[in-house]
Protein backbone atom coordinates (compact mmCIF):
# COMPACT_ATOMS: atom_id res chain seq x y z
CA MET A 1 24.59 -7.06 -11.04
CA ARG A 2 23.45 -5.90 -7.62
CA ASP A 3 21.61 -2.85 -6.45
CA PHE A 4 24.36 -0.67 -4.98
CA ARG A 5 21.84 0.96 -2.64
CA SER A 6 21.61 -2.29 -0.68
CA LEU A 7 25.34 -2.27 0.10
CA ARG A 8 26.11 -1.00 3.59
CA VAL A 9 29.42 0.46 2.38
CA TRP A 10 27.63 2.52 -0.29
CA GLN A 11 25.10 3.76 2.29
CA HIS A 12 27.91 4.90 4.59
CA ALA A 13 29.87 6.46 1.73
CA HIS A 14 26.78 8.32 0.53
CA ARG A 15 26.10 9.73 4.01
CA PHE A 16 29.77 10.64 4.32
CA ALA A 17 29.67 12.59 1.03
CA LEU A 18 26.58 14.48 2.22
CA ASP A 19 28.37 15.30 5.46
CA VAL A 20 31.40 16.57 3.54
CA TYR A 21 29.14 18.84 1.49
CA ARG A 22 27.69 20.24 4.73
CA VAL A 23 31.00 20.92 6.47
CA THR A 24 32.69 22.38 3.39
CA GLY A 25 29.86 24.89 3.07
CA GLY A 26 31.65 26.86 5.77
CA PHE A 27 35.03 26.89 4.00
CA PRO A 28 36.35 30.26 2.79
CA VAL A 29 34.86 31.51 -0.47
CA ASP A 30 38.30 31.64 -2.09
CA GLU A 31 38.54 27.84 -1.61
CA ARG A 32 35.36 27.13 -3.65
CA ILE A 33 37.36 26.12 -6.73
CA GLY A 34 40.20 24.70 -4.64
CA LEU A 35 39.99 22.50 -1.60
CA THR A 36 36.19 22.67 -1.30
CA SER A 37 35.69 21.36 -4.81
CA GLN A 38 38.46 18.75 -4.51
CA LEU A 39 37.13 17.41 -1.23
CA ARG A 40 33.55 17.23 -2.43
CA ARG A 41 34.50 15.46 -5.66
CA ALA A 42 36.77 12.95 -3.93
CA ALA A 43 34.18 12.21 -1.22
CA SER A 44 31.47 11.72 -3.86
CA SER A 45 33.81 9.51 -5.87
CA ILE A 46 33.84 6.89 -3.11
CA ALA A 47 30.10 6.18 -3.34
CA ASP A 48 29.98 6.75 -7.10
CA ASN A 49 32.69 4.18 -7.82
CA ILE A 50 31.04 1.62 -5.56
CA ALA A 51 27.86 2.14 -7.59
CA GLU A 52 29.76 1.80 -10.87
CA GLY A 53 31.39 -1.39 -9.61
CA CYS A 54 27.97 -2.90 -8.96
CA GLY A 55 27.07 -2.28 -12.58
CA ALA A 56 30.30 -3.72 -13.98
CA ALA A 57 30.14 -6.50 -16.55
CA THR A 58 33.00 -8.58 -15.14
CA ASP A 59 34.46 -9.34 -11.72
CA ALA A 60 37.76 -7.74 -12.74
CA GLU A 61 36.01 -4.54 -13.80
CA GLN A 62 34.01 -4.56 -10.56
CA ARG A 63 37.22 -4.83 -8.48
CA ARG A 64 38.77 -1.99 -10.48
CA PHE A 65 35.95 0.38 -9.48
CA TYR A 66 36.12 -0.74 -5.84
CA ARG A 67 39.87 -0.05 -5.85
CA ILE A 68 39.26 3.41 -7.30
CA ALA A 69 36.80 4.03 -4.44
CA PHE A 70 39.49 2.89 -2.00
CA ARG A 71 42.01 5.31 -3.51
CA SER A 72 39.47 8.13 -3.36
CA ASN A 73 39.06 7.33 0.34
CA CYS A 74 42.81 7.85 0.83
CA GLU A 75 42.67 11.08 -1.17
CA VAL A 76 39.87 12.41 1.06
CA LEU A 77 41.91 11.67 4.18
CA SER A 78 44.79 13.77 2.84
CA GLN A 79 42.42 16.62 2.02
CA LEU A 80 40.75 16.44 5.45
CA ILE A 81 44.13 16.73 7.13
CA ARG A 82 44.91 19.78 4.98
CA ALA A 83 41.53 21.38 5.78
CA ARG A 84 42.05 20.77 9.50
CA ASP A 85 45.60 22.14 9.44
CA LEU A 86 44.41 25.25 7.60
CA GLY A 87 41.79 25.80 10.28
CA TYR A 88 38.81 25.20 7.96
CA LEU A 89 37.59 22.23 10.02
CA SER A 90 37.22 22.06 13.77
CA SER A 91 39.16 19.31 15.50
CA ASP A 92 35.87 17.62 16.39
CA ASP A 93 34.58 17.65 12.80
CA ALA A 94 37.93 16.46 11.48
CA ALA A 95 38.07 13.60 13.99
CA ARG A 96 34.48 12.54 13.28
CA LEU A 97 34.99 12.61 9.52
CA GLU A 98 38.24 10.66 9.83
CA ARG A 99 36.51 7.98 11.96
CA ASP A 100 33.76 7.68 9.35
CA LEU A 101 36.31 7.51 6.57
CA ASN A 102 38.28 4.77 8.36
CA SER A 103 35.11 2.74 8.78
CA ILE A 104 34.32 3.08 5.07
CA ARG A 105 37.91 2.14 4.17
CA MET A 106 37.65 -1.10 6.19
CA MET A 107 34.30 -1.98 4.55
CA LEU A 108 35.77 -1.24 1.12
CA TRP A 109 38.76 -3.47 1.82
CA ARG A 110 36.46 -6.35 2.77
CA LEU A 111 34.38 -5.73 -0.38
CA ILE A 112 37.53 -5.85 -2.53
CA GLU A 113 38.68 -9.07 -0.87
CA ARG A 114 35.26 -10.71 -1.31
CA SER A 115 35.11 -9.72 -4.97
CA GLN A 116 38.34 -11.59 -5.66
CA GLY A 117 36.55 -14.88 -5.27
């Protein structure tokens, strides 16, 4: 078992989730239980599943959590595109968040590959 806080991918995913919370604070009030909530939960899920994977009892269980984090990353991308297209995110914020998300996705992929032995 490793301390998830020492993983660079978790650190980036955590900062990304905090950034998503900040930018979604400006979303319309009627989206609070819709896209705002979905985006925040999915963004948080990336870091949370990396942390759970670090606490897993077996390598297979660890990989399962890392794969869930990877899928959450893809879900966030879809939601960011929707938020941008609805005009809730500026083009600059959307581009920055997408770059960060792509970086996290690459780190997650390497983590999954390394965990396969």
